[in-house]
Amino acid sequence: MVKPVDAGPLLTRLLLPRGAALRFYLLALFEAQCRLAVGGRWENLLPLSGPGSWSDLIASDGAYDAKSGMYMRSTRGGRAAEDLRLRQVQGALRTLE
């Protein structure tokens, strides 16, 4: 019997092999540590997408075309790498929520 993803301790959801939640959490901690003084209050100053955003901090695997042996700039559904990174950030935020 396959165990559902939602079963088990909540912390294990951060460790999903294809998820970005743990990576995103660690990036957010690093960003706060670099920017804030000791005891400073954290405020989100970065947008989710666009230049200089949280999406810029997430690495995304590109779609690979085996026939040409090259990475594609967009997927079959027309999603670009920027869209895929934004979806990973949004998914990570949902998991962390």
PDB file of N, CA and C in Angstrom:
ATOM      1  N   MET A   1       0.838  -1.185   0.000  1.00  0.00           N
ATOM      2  CA  MET A   1       0.000   0.000   0.000  1.00  0.00           C
ATOM      3  C   MET A   1       0.884   1.251   0.000  1.00  0.00           C
ATOM      4  N   VAL A   2       0.572   2.182  -0.866  1.00  0.00           N
ATOM      5  CA  VAL A   2       1.333   3.421  -0.980  1.00  0.00           C
ATOM      6  C   VAL A   2       0.824   4.412   0.045  1.00  0.00           C
ATOM      7  N   LYS A   3       1.741   5.028   0.756  1.00  0.00           N
ATOM      8  CA  LYS A   3       1.400   6.000   1.779  1.00  0.00           C
ATOM      9  C   LYS A   3       1.127   7.349   1.118  1.00  0.00           C
ATOM     10  N   PRO A   4       0.026   8.024   1.472  1.00  0.00           N
ATOM     11  CA  PRO A   4      -0.238   9.338   0.871  1.00  0.00           C
ATOM     12  C   PRO A   4       0.837  10.337   1.259  1.00  0.00           C
ATOM     13  N   VAL A   5       1.033  11.344   0.416  1.00  0.00           N
ATOM     14  CA  VAL A   5       2.055  12.356   0.654  1.00  0.00           C
ATOM     15  C   VAL A   5       1.768  13.125   1.935  1.00  0.00           C
ATOM     16  N   ASP A   6       0.493  13.349   2.254  1.00  0.00           N
ATOM     17  CA  ASP A   6       0.128  14.142   3.413  1.00  0.00           C
ATOM     18  C   ASP A   6       0.273  13.383   4.724  1.00  0.00           C
ATOM     19  N   ALA A   7       0.596  12.095   4.693  1.00  0.00           N
ATOM     20  CA  ALA A   7       0.736  11.322   5.920  1.00  0.00           C
ATOM     21  C   ALA A   7       2.102  11.573   6.537  1.00  0.00           C
ATOM     22  N   GLY A   8       2.178  11.410   7.841  1.00  0.00           N
ATOM     23  CA  GLY A   8       3.460  11.558   8.519  1.00  0.00           C
ATOM     24  C   GLY A   8       3.683  12.951   9.049  1.00  0.00           C
ATOM     25  N   PRO A   9       4.822  13.167   9.686  1.00  0.00           N
ATOM     26  CA  PRO A   9       5.126  14.481  10.266  1.00  0.00           C
ATOM     27  C   PRO A   9       5.158  15.578   9.196  1.00  0.00           C
ATOM     28  N   LEU A  10       4.741  16.775   9.591  1.00  0.00           N
ATOM     29  CA  LEU A  10       4.683  17.897   8.648  1.00  0.00           C
ATOM     30  C   LEU A  10       6.058  18.252   8.087  1.00  0.00           C
ATOM     31  N   LEU A  11       7.099  18.125   8.895  1.00  0.00           N
ATOM     32  CA  LEU A  11       8.440  18.487   8.442  1.00  0.00           C
ATOM     33  C   LEU A  11       8.898  17.636   7.258  1.00  0.00           C
ATOM     34  N   THR A  12       8.396  16.417   7.138  1.00  0.00           N
ATOM     35  CA  THR A  12       8.815  15.560   6.027  1.00  0.00           C
ATOM     36  C   THR A  12       8.332  16.096   4.682  1.00  0.00           C
ATOM     37  N   ARG A  13       7.334  16.963   4.675  1.00  0.00           N
ATOM     38  CA  ARG A  13       6.856  17.549   3.407  1.00  0.00           C
ATOM     39  C   ARG A  13       7.898  18.471   2.778  1.00  0.00           C
ATOM     40  N   LEU A  14       8.802  18.995   3.611  1.00  0.00           N
ATOM     41  CA  LEU A  14       9.864  19.861   3.085  1.00  0.00           C
ATOM     42  C   LEU A  14      10.892  19.076   2.293  1.00  0.00           C
ATOM     43  N   LEU A  15      10.935  17.779   2.482  1.00  0.00           N
ATOM     44  CA  LEU A  15      11.977  16.957   1.886  1.00  0.00           C
ATOM     45  C   LEU A  15      11.539  16.222   0.624  1.00  0.00           C
ATOM     46  N   LEU A  16      10.451  16.631   0.021  1.00  0.00           N
ATOM     47  CA  LEU A  16      10.003  15.984  -1.208  1.00  0.00           C
ATOM     48  C   LEU A  16      11.083  16.131  -2.273  1.00  0.00           C
ATOM     49  N   PRO A  17      11.433  15.050  -2.961  1.00  0.00           N
ATOM     50  CA  PRO A  17      12.564  15.096  -3.895  1.00  0.00           C
ATOM     51  C   PRO A  17      12.396  16.085  -5.040  1.00  0.00           C
ATOM     52  N   ARG A  18      11.181  16.303  -5.508  1.00  0.00           N
ATOM     53  CA  ARG A  18      10.991  17.226  -6.629  1.00  0.00           C
ATOM     54  C   ARG A  18      10.517  18.594  -6.163  1.00  0.00           C
ATOM     55  N   GLY A  19      10.363  18.776  -4.877  1.00  0.00           N
ATOM     56  CA  GLY A  19       9.874  20.046  -4.355  1.00  0.00           C
ATOM     57  C   GLY A  19      10.992  21.034  -4.085  1.00  0.00           C
ATOM     58  N   ALA A  20      10.609  22.286  -4.001  1.00  0.00           N
ATOM     59  CA  ALA A  20      11.597  23.339  -3.764  1.00  0.00           C
ATOM     60  C   ALA A  20      11.417  23.972  -2.394  1.00  0.00           C
ATOM     61  N   ALA A  21      10.548  23.402  -1.556  1.00  0.00           N
ATOM     62  CA  ALA A  21      10.224  24.048  -0.279  1.00  0.00           C
ATOM     63  C   ALA A  21      11.442  24.184   0.623  1.00  0.00           C
ATOM     64  N   LEU A  22      12.200  23.126   0.797  1.00  0.00           N
ATOM     65  CA  LEU A  22      13.368  23.200   1.674  1.00  0.00           C
ATOM     66  C   LEU A  22      14.409  24.158   1.108  1.00  0.00           C
ATOM     67  N   ARG A  23      14.667  24.085  -0.190  1.00  0.00           N
ATOM     68  CA  ARG A  23      15.626  25.005  -0.814  1.00  0.00           C
ATOM     69  C   ARG A  23      15.170  26.452  -0.655  1.00  0.00           C
ATOM     70  N   PHE A  24      13.875  26.686  -0.864  1.00  0.00           N
ATOM     71  CA  PHE A  24      13.339  28.038  -0.759  1.00  0.00           C
ATOM     72  C   PHE A  24      13.432  28.537   0.683  1.00  0.00           C
ATOM     73  N   TYR A  25      13.113  27.681   1.646  1.00  0.00           N
ATOM     74  CA  TYR A  25      13.188  28.048   3.055  1.00  0.00           C
ATOM     75  C   TYR A  25      14.617  28.449   3.426  1.00  0.00           C
ATOM     76  N   LEU A  26      15.582  27.659   2.987  1.00  0.00           N
ATOM     77  CA  LEU A  26      16.976  27.974   3.283  1.00  0.00           C
ATOM     78  C   LEU A  26      17.426  29.256   2.586  1.00  0.00           C
ATOM     79  N   LEU A  27      16.959  29.491   1.364  1.00  0.00           N
ATOM     80  CA  LEU A  27      17.272  30.742   0.668  1.00  0.00           C
ATOM     81  C   LEU A  27      16.686  31.937   1.398  1.00  0.00           C
ATOM     82  N   ALA A  28      15.460  31.801   1.901  1.00  0.00           N
ATOM     83  CA  ALA A  28      14.823  32.898   2.627  1.00  0.00           C
ATOM     84  C   ALA A  28      15.580  33.200   3.920  1.00  0.00           C
ATOM     85  N   LEU A  29      16.020  32.146   4.607  1.00  0.00           N
ATOM     86  CA  LEU A  29      16.818  32.355   5.816  1.00  0.00           C
ATOM     87  C   LEU A  29      18.132  33.069   5.490  1.00  0.00           C
ATOM     88  N   PHE A  30      18.779  32.638   4.416  1.00  0.00           N
ATOM     89  CA  PHE A  30      20.044  33.257   4.012  1.00  0.00           C
ATOM     90  C   PHE A  30      19.840  34.722   3.628  1.00  0.00           C
ATOM     91  N   GLU A  31      18.790  35.000   2.872  1.00  0.00           N
ATOM     92  CA  GLU A  31      18.502  36.368   2.444  1.00  0.00           C
ATOM     93  C   GLU A  31      18.264  37.257   3.664  1.00  0.00           C
ATOM     94  N   ALA A  32      17.508  36.756   4.643  1.00  0.00           N
ATOM     95  CA  ALA A  32      17.234  37.536   5.851  1.00  0.00           C
ATOM     96  C   ALA A  32      18.512  37.751   6.661  1.00  0.00           C
ATOM     97  N   GLN A  33      19.339  36.725   6.748  1.00  0.00           N
ATOM     98  CA  GLN A  33      20.573  36.836   7.526  1.00  0.00           C
ATOM     99  C   GLN A  33      21.518  37.860   6.894  1.00  0.00           C
ATOM    100  N   CYS A  34      21.578  37.909   5.583  1.00  0.00           N
ATOM    101  CA  CYS A  34      22.484  38.836   4.899  1.00  0.00           C
ATOM    102  C   CYS A  34      21.983  40.277   4.963  1.00  0.00           C
ATOM    103  N   ARG A  35      20.684  40.464   5.009  1.00  0.00           N
ATOM    104  CA  ARG A  35      20.114  41.799   4.895  1.00  0.00           C
ATOM    105  C   ARG A  35      19.844  42.469   6.234  1.00  0.00           C
ATOM    106  N   LEU A  36      19.497  41.687   7.254  1.00  0.00           N
ATOM    107  CA  LEU A  36      19.020  42.270   8.503  1.00  0.00           C
ATOM    108  C   LEU A  36      20.108  42.386   9.557  1.00  0.00           C
ATOM    109  N   ALA A  37      19.963  43.383  10.401  1.00  0.00           N
ATOM    110  CA  ALA A  37      20.806  43.507  11.583  1.00  0.00           C
ATOM    111  C   ALA A  37      20.252  42.556  12.649  1.00  0.00           C
ATOM    112  N   VAL A  38      21.043  42.269  13.650  1.00  0.00           N
ATOM    113  CA  VAL A  38      20.613  41.389  14.728  1.00  0.00           C
ATOM    114  C   VAL A  38      19.356  41.965  15.380  1.00  0.00           C
ATOM    115  N   GLY A  39      18.340  41.142  15.505  1.00  0.00           N
ATOM    116  CA  GLY A  39      17.081  41.563  16.117  1.00  0.00           C
ATOM    117  C   GLY A  39      16.179  42.348  15.190  1.00  0.00           C
ATOM    118  N   GLY A  40      16.599  42.548  13.935  1.00  0.00           N
ATOM    119  CA  GLY A  40      15.783  43.294  12.984  1.00  0.00           C
ATOM    120  C   GLY A  40      14.534  42.530  12.574  1.00  0.00           C
ATOM    121  N   ARG A  41      13.490  43.246  12.254  1.00  0.00           N
ATOM    122  CA  ARG A  41      12.228  42.636  11.832  1.00  0.00           C
ATOM    123  C   ARG A  41      12.276  42.386  10.332  1.00  0.00           C
ATOM    124  N   TRP A  42      11.901  41.169   9.926  1.00  0.00           N
ATOM    125  CA  TRP A  42      11.938  40.797   8.515  1.00  0.00           C
ATOM    126  C   TRP A  42      10.685  41.281   7.812  1.00  0.00           C
ATOM    127  N   GLU A  43      10.862  41.857   6.648  1.00  0.00           N
ATOM    128  CA  GLU A  43       9.770  42.224   5.758  1.00  0.00           C
ATOM    129  C   GLU A  43      10.140  41.737   4.372  1.00  0.00           C
ATOM    130  N   ASN A  44       9.174  41.229   3.653  1.00  0.00           N
ATOM    131  CA  ASN A  44       9.421  40.749   2.299  1.00  0.00           C
ATOM    132  C   ASN A  44       9.553  41.945   1.360  1.00  0.00           C
ATOM    133  N   LEU A  45      10.742  42.154   0.836  1.00  0.00           N
ATOM    134  CA  LEU A  45      10.978  43.254  -0.094  1.00  0.00           C
ATOM    135  C   LEU A  45      11.091  42.787  -1.537  1.00  0.00           C
ATOM    136  N   LEU A  46      11.117  41.476  -1.747  1.00  0.00           N
ATOM    137  CA  LEU A  46      11.287  40.932  -3.094  1.00  0.00           C
ATOM    138  C   LEU A  46       9.942  40.528  -3.694  1.00  0.00           C
ATOM    139  N   PRO A  47       9.711  40.841  -4.969  1.00  0.00           N
ATOM    140  CA  PRO A  47       8.501  40.351  -5.627  1.00  0.00           C
ATOM    141  C   PRO A  47       8.640  38.855  -5.931  1.00  0.00           C
ATOM    142  N   LEU A  48       7.537  38.210  -6.289  1.00  0.00           N
ATOM    143  CA  LEU A  48       7.591  36.782  -6.614  1.00  0.00           C
ATOM    144  C   LEU A  48       8.218  36.526  -7.976  1.00  0.00           C
ATOM    145  N   SER A  49       7.996  37.434  -8.928  1.00  0.00           N
ATOM    146  CA  SER A  49       8.541  37.210 -10.270  1.00  0.00           C
ATOM    147  C   SER A  49       9.117  38.508 -10.819  1.00  0.00           C
ATOM    148  N   GLY A  50       9.868  38.370 -11.900  1.00  0.00           N
ATOM    149  CA  GLY A  50      10.493  39.521 -12.528  1.00  0.00           C
ATOM    150  C   GLY A  50      11.951  39.642 -12.116  1.00  0.00           C
ATOM    151  N   PRO A  51      12.638  40.649 -12.623  1.00  0.00           N
ATOM    152  CA  PRO A  51      14.051  40.846 -12.287  1.00  0.00           C
ATOM    153  C   PRO A  51      14.243  41.136 -10.798  1.00  0.00           C
ATOM    154  N   GLY A  52      15.218  40.469 -10.186  1.00  0.00           N
ATOM    155  CA  GLY A  52      15.493  40.674  -8.775  1.00  0.00           C
ATOM    156  C   GLY A  52      14.451  40.083  -7.843  1.00  0.00           C
ATOM    157  N   SER A  53      13.785  39.022  -8.270  1.00  0.00           N
ATOM    158  CA  SER A  53      12.688  38.441  -7.497  1.00  0.00           C
ATOM    159  C   SER A  53      13.094  37.125  -6.840  1.00  0.00           C
ATOM    160  N   TRP A  54      12.160  36.573  -6.041  1.00  0.00           N
ATOM    161  CA  TRP A  54      12.379  35.251  -5.444  1.00  0.00           C
ATOM    162  C   TRP A  54      12.557  34.203  -6.531  1.00  0.00           C
ATOM    163  N   SER A  55      11.866  34.356  -7.645  1.00  0.00           N
ATOM    164  CA  SER A  55      11.983  33.381  -8.738  1.00  0.00           C
ATOM    165  C   SER A  55      13.385  33.345  -9.317  1.00  0.00           C
ATOM    166  N   ASP A  56      14.091  34.457  -9.260  1.00  0.00           N
ATOM    167  CA  ASP A  56      15.475  34.490  -9.744  1.00  0.00           C
ATOM    168  C   ASP A  56      16.402  33.648  -8.871  1.00  0.00           C
ATOM    169  N   LEU A  57      16.009  33.403  -7.632  1.00  0.00           N
ATOM    170  CA  LEU A  57      16.854  32.654  -6.705  1.00  0.00           C
ATOM    171  C   LEU A  57      16.674  31.146  -6.816  1.00  0.00           C
ATOM    172  N   ILE A  58      15.661  30.695  -7.554  1.00  0.00           N
ATOM    173  CA  ILE A  58      15.373  29.263  -7.680  1.00  0.00           C
ATOM    174  C   ILE A  58      15.915  28.757  -9.012  1.00  0.00           C
ATOM    175  N   ALA A  59      16.688  27.683  -8.946  1.00  0.00           N
ATOM    176  CA  ALA A  59      17.163  27.031 -10.171  1.00  0.00           C
ATOM    177  C   ALA A  59      16.101  26.037 -10.615  1.00  0.00           C
ATOM    178  N   SER A  60      15.815  26.012 -11.891  1.00  0.00           N
ATOM    179  CA  SER A  60      14.798  25.123 -12.425  1.00  0.00           C
ATOM    180  C   SER A  60      15.407  24.269 -13.520  1.00  0.00           C
ATOM    181  N   ASP A  61      15.085  22.995 -13.492  1.00  0.00           N
ATOM    182  CA  ASP A  61      15.541  22.121 -14.562  1.00  0.00           C
ATOM    183  C   ASP A  61      14.809  22.490 -15.842  1.00  0.00           C
ATOM    184  N   GLY A  62      15.551  22.651 -16.904  1.00  0.00           N
ATOM    185  CA  GLY A  62      14.935  22.931 -18.184  1.00  0.00           C
ATOM    186  C   GLY A  62      14.404  21.663 -18.819  1.00  0.00           C
ATOM    187  N   ALA A  63      13.447  21.825 -19.696  1.00  0.00           N
ATOM    188  CA  ALA A  63      12.910  20.678 -20.422  1.00  0.00           C
ATOM    189  C   ALA A  63      13.960  20.217 -21.429  1.00  0.00           C
ATOM    190  N   TYR A  64      14.260  18.945 -21.419  1.00  0.00           N
ATOM    191  CA  TYR A  64      15.303  18.388 -22.279  1.00  0.00           C
ATOM    192  C   TYR A  64      14.662  17.660 -23.447  1.00  0.00           C
ATOM    193  N   ASP A  65      15.135  17.938 -24.653  1.00  0.00           N
ATOM    194  CA  ASP A  65      14.645  17.269 -25.856  1.00  0.00           C
ATOM    195  C   ASP A  65      15.664  16.212 -26.259  1.00  0.00           C
ATOM    196  N   ALA A  66      15.283  14.948 -26.112  1.00  0.00           N
ATOM    197  CA  ALA A  66      16.203  13.848 -26.398  1.00  0.00           C
ATOM    198  C   ALA A  66      16.560  13.778 -27.882  1.00  0.00           C
ATOM    199  N   LYS A  67      15.627  14.150 -28.775  1.00  0.00           N
ATOM    200  CA  LYS A  67      15.893  14.078 -30.214  1.00  0.00           C
ATOM    201  C   LYS A  67      17.019  15.026 -30.637  1.00  0.00           C
ATOM    202  N   SER A  68      16.948  16.257 -30.148  1.00  0.00           N
ATOM    203  CA  SER A  68      17.966  17.235 -30.539  1.00  0.00           C
ATOM    204  C   SER A  68      19.164  17.235 -29.598  1.00  0.00           C
ATOM    205  N   GLY A  69      18.988  16.651 -28.412  1.00  0.00           N
ATOM    206  CA  GLY A  69      20.068  16.645 -27.433  1.00  0.00           C
ATOM    207  C   GLY A  69      20.311  18.011 -26.811  1.00  0.00           C
ATOM    208  N   MET A  70      19.260  18.850 -26.783  1.00  0.00           N
ATOM    209  CA  MET A  70      19.405  20.206 -26.253  1.00  0.00           C
ATOM    210  C   MET A  70      18.283  20.501 -25.259  1.00  0.00           C
ATOM    211  N   TYR A  71      18.536  21.477 -24.402  1.00  0.00           N
ATOM    212  CA  TYR A  71      17.499  21.954 -23.502  1.00  0.00           C
ATOM    213  C   TYR A  71      16.631  22.958 -24.253  1.00  0.00           C
ATOM    214  N   MET A  72      15.324  22.850 -24.042  1.00  0.00           N
ATOM    215  CA  MET A  72      14.379  23.724 -24.745  1.00  0.00           C
ATOM    216  C   MET A  72      14.148  24.997 -23.937  1.00  0.00           C
ATOM    217  N   ARG A  73      13.844  26.076 -24.640  1.00  0.00           N
ATOM    218  CA  ARG A  73      13.568  27.343 -23.969  1.00  0.00           C
ATOM    219  C   ARG A  73      12.165  27.375 -23.375  1.00  0.00           C
ATOM    220  N   SER A  74      11.266  26.568 -23.883  1.00  0.00           N
ATOM    221  CA  SER A  74       9.912  26.492 -23.336  1.00  0.00           C
ATOM    222  C   SER A  74       9.424  25.054 -23.433  1.00  0.00           C
ATOM    223  N   THR A  75       8.372  24.747 -22.720  1.00  0.00           N
ATOM    224  CA  THR A  75       7.815  23.394 -22.721  1.00  0.00           C
ATOM    225  C   THR A  75       6.725  23.271 -23.767  1.00  0.00           C
ATOM    226  N   ARG A  76       6.211  22.066 -23.902  1.00  0.00           N
ATOM    227  CA  ARG A  76       5.165  21.815 -24.878  1.00  0.00           C
ATOM    228  C   ARG A  76       3.957  22.708 -24.622  1.00  0.00           C
ATOM    229  N   GLY A  77       3.655  22.973 -23.348  1.00  0.00           N
ATOM    230  CA  GLY A  77       2.526  23.831 -22.998  1.00  0.00           C
ATOM    231  C   GLY A  77       2.820  25.307 -23.169  1.00  0.00           C
ATOM    232  N   GLY A  78       4.017  25.646 -23.658  1.00  0.00           N
ATOM    233  CA  GLY A  78       4.370  27.039 -23.887  1.00  0.00           C
ATOM    234  C   GLY A  78       4.875  27.765 -22.652  1.00  0.00           C
ATOM    235  N   ARG A  79       5.178  27.012 -21.590  1.00  0.00           N
ATOM    236  CA  ARG A  79       5.676  27.653 -20.374  1.00  0.00           C
ATOM    237  C   ARG A  79       7.175  27.889 -20.497  1.00  0.00           C
ATOM    238  N   ALA A  80       7.587  29.082 -20.191  1.00  0.00           N
ATOM    239  CA  ALA A  80       9.007  29.436 -20.232  1.00  0.00           C
ATOM    240  C   ALA A  80       9.650  29.099 -18.891  1.00  0.00           C
ATOM    241  N   ALA A  81      10.965  29.141 -18.837  1.00  0.00           N
ATOM    242  CA  ALA A  81      11.701  28.831 -17.607  1.00  0.00           C
ATOM    243  C   ALA A  81      11.292  29.758 -16.468  1.00  0.00           C
ATOM    244  N   GLU A  82      11.016  31.022 -16.778  1.00  0.00           N
ATOM    245  CA  GLU A  82      10.592  31.966 -15.742  1.00  0.00           C
ATOM    246  C   GLU A  82       9.278  31.532 -15.116  1.00  0.00           C
ATOM    247  N   ASP A  83       8.358  31.034 -15.951  1.00  0.00           N
ATOM    248  CA  ASP A  83       7.067  30.555 -15.447  1.00  0.00           C
ATOM    249  C   ASP A  83       7.250  29.330 -14.559  1.00  0.00           C
ATOM    250  N   LEU A  84       8.156  28.445 -14.950  1.00  0.00           N
ATOM    251  CA  LEU A  84       8.396  27.241 -14.164  1.00  0.00           C
ATOM    252  C   LEU A  84       9.010  27.581 -12.805  1.00  0.00           C
ATOM    253  N   ARG A  85       9.921  28.542 -12.787  1.00  0.00           N
ATOM    254  CA  ARG A  85      10.514  28.959 -11.509  1.00  0.00           C
ATOM    255  C   ARG A  85       9.473  29.603 -10.608  1.00  0.00           C
ATOM    256  N   LEU A  86       8.596  30.432 -11.180  1.00  0.00           N
ATOM    257  CA  LEU A  86       7.537  31.061 -10.398  1.00  0.00           C
ATOM    258  C   LEU A  86       6.617  30.000  -9.798  1.00  0.00           C
ATOM    259  N   ARG A  87       6.285  28.978 -10.581  1.00  0.00           N
ATOM    260  CA  ARG A  87       5.437  27.900 -10.056  1.00  0.00           C
ATOM    261  C   ARG A  87       6.125  27.168  -8.917  1.00  0.00           C
ATOM    262  N   GLN A  88       7.440  26.985  -8.999  1.00  0.00           N
ATOM    263  CA  GLN A  88       8.169  26.328  -7.910  1.00  0.00           C
ATOM    264  C   GLN A  88       8.144  27.178  -6.652  1.00  0.00           C
ATOM    265  N   VAL A  89       8.313  28.490  -6.791  1.00  0.00           N
ATOM    266  CA  VAL A  89       8.274  29.378  -5.628  1.00  0.00           C
ATOM    267  C   VAL A  89       6.889  29.352  -5.007  1.00  0.00           C
ATOM    268  N   GLN A  90       5.854  29.429  -5.820  1.00  0.00           N
ATOM    269  CA  GLN A  90       4.488  29.406  -5.304  1.00  0.00           C
ATOM    270  C   GLN A  90       4.187  28.083  -4.606  1.00  0.00           C
ATOM    271  N   GLY A  91       4.644  26.973  -5.177  1.00  0.00           N
ATOM    272  CA  GLY A  91       4.451  25.669  -4.549  1.00  0.00           C
ATOM    273  C   GLY A  91       5.197  25.566  -3.227  1.00  0.00           C
ATOM    274  N   ALA A  92       6.405  26.122  -3.180  1.00  0.00           N
ATOM    275  CA  ALA A  92       7.186  26.110  -1.945  1.00  0.00           C
ATOM    276  C   ALA A  92       6.486  26.934  -0.866  1.00  0.00           C
ATOM    277  N   LEU A  93       5.937  28.079  -1.243  1.00  0.00           N
ATOM    278  CA  LEU A  93       5.223  28.899  -0.272  1.00  0.00           C
ATOM    279  C   LEU A  93       3.971  28.195   0.257  1.00  0.00           C
ATOM    280  N   ARG A  94       3.271  27.490  -0.626  1.00  0.00           N
ATOM    281  CA  ARG A  94       2.092  26.720  -0.174  1.00  0.00           C
ATOM    282  C   ARG A  94       2.512  25.650   0.815  1.00  0.00           C
ATOM    283  N   THR A  95       3.617  24.951   0.531  1.00  0.00           N
ATOM    284  CA  THR A  95       4.097  23.897   1.433  1.00  0.00           C
ATOM    285  C   THR A  95       4.507  24.494   2.772  1.00  0.00           C
ATOM    286  N   LEU A  96       5.209  25.602   2.754  1.00  0.00           N
ATOM    287  CA  LEU A  96       5.670  26.226   3.993  1.00  0.00           C
ATOM    288  C   LEU A  96       4.509  26.826   4.796  1.00  0.00           C
ATOM    289  N   GLU A  97       3.448  27.212   4.101  1.00  0.00           N
ATOM    290  CA  GLU A  97       2.284  27.773   4.768  1.00  0.00           C
ATOM    291  C   GLU A  97       1.645  26.718   5.646  1.00  0.00           C
TER     292      GLU A  97
END
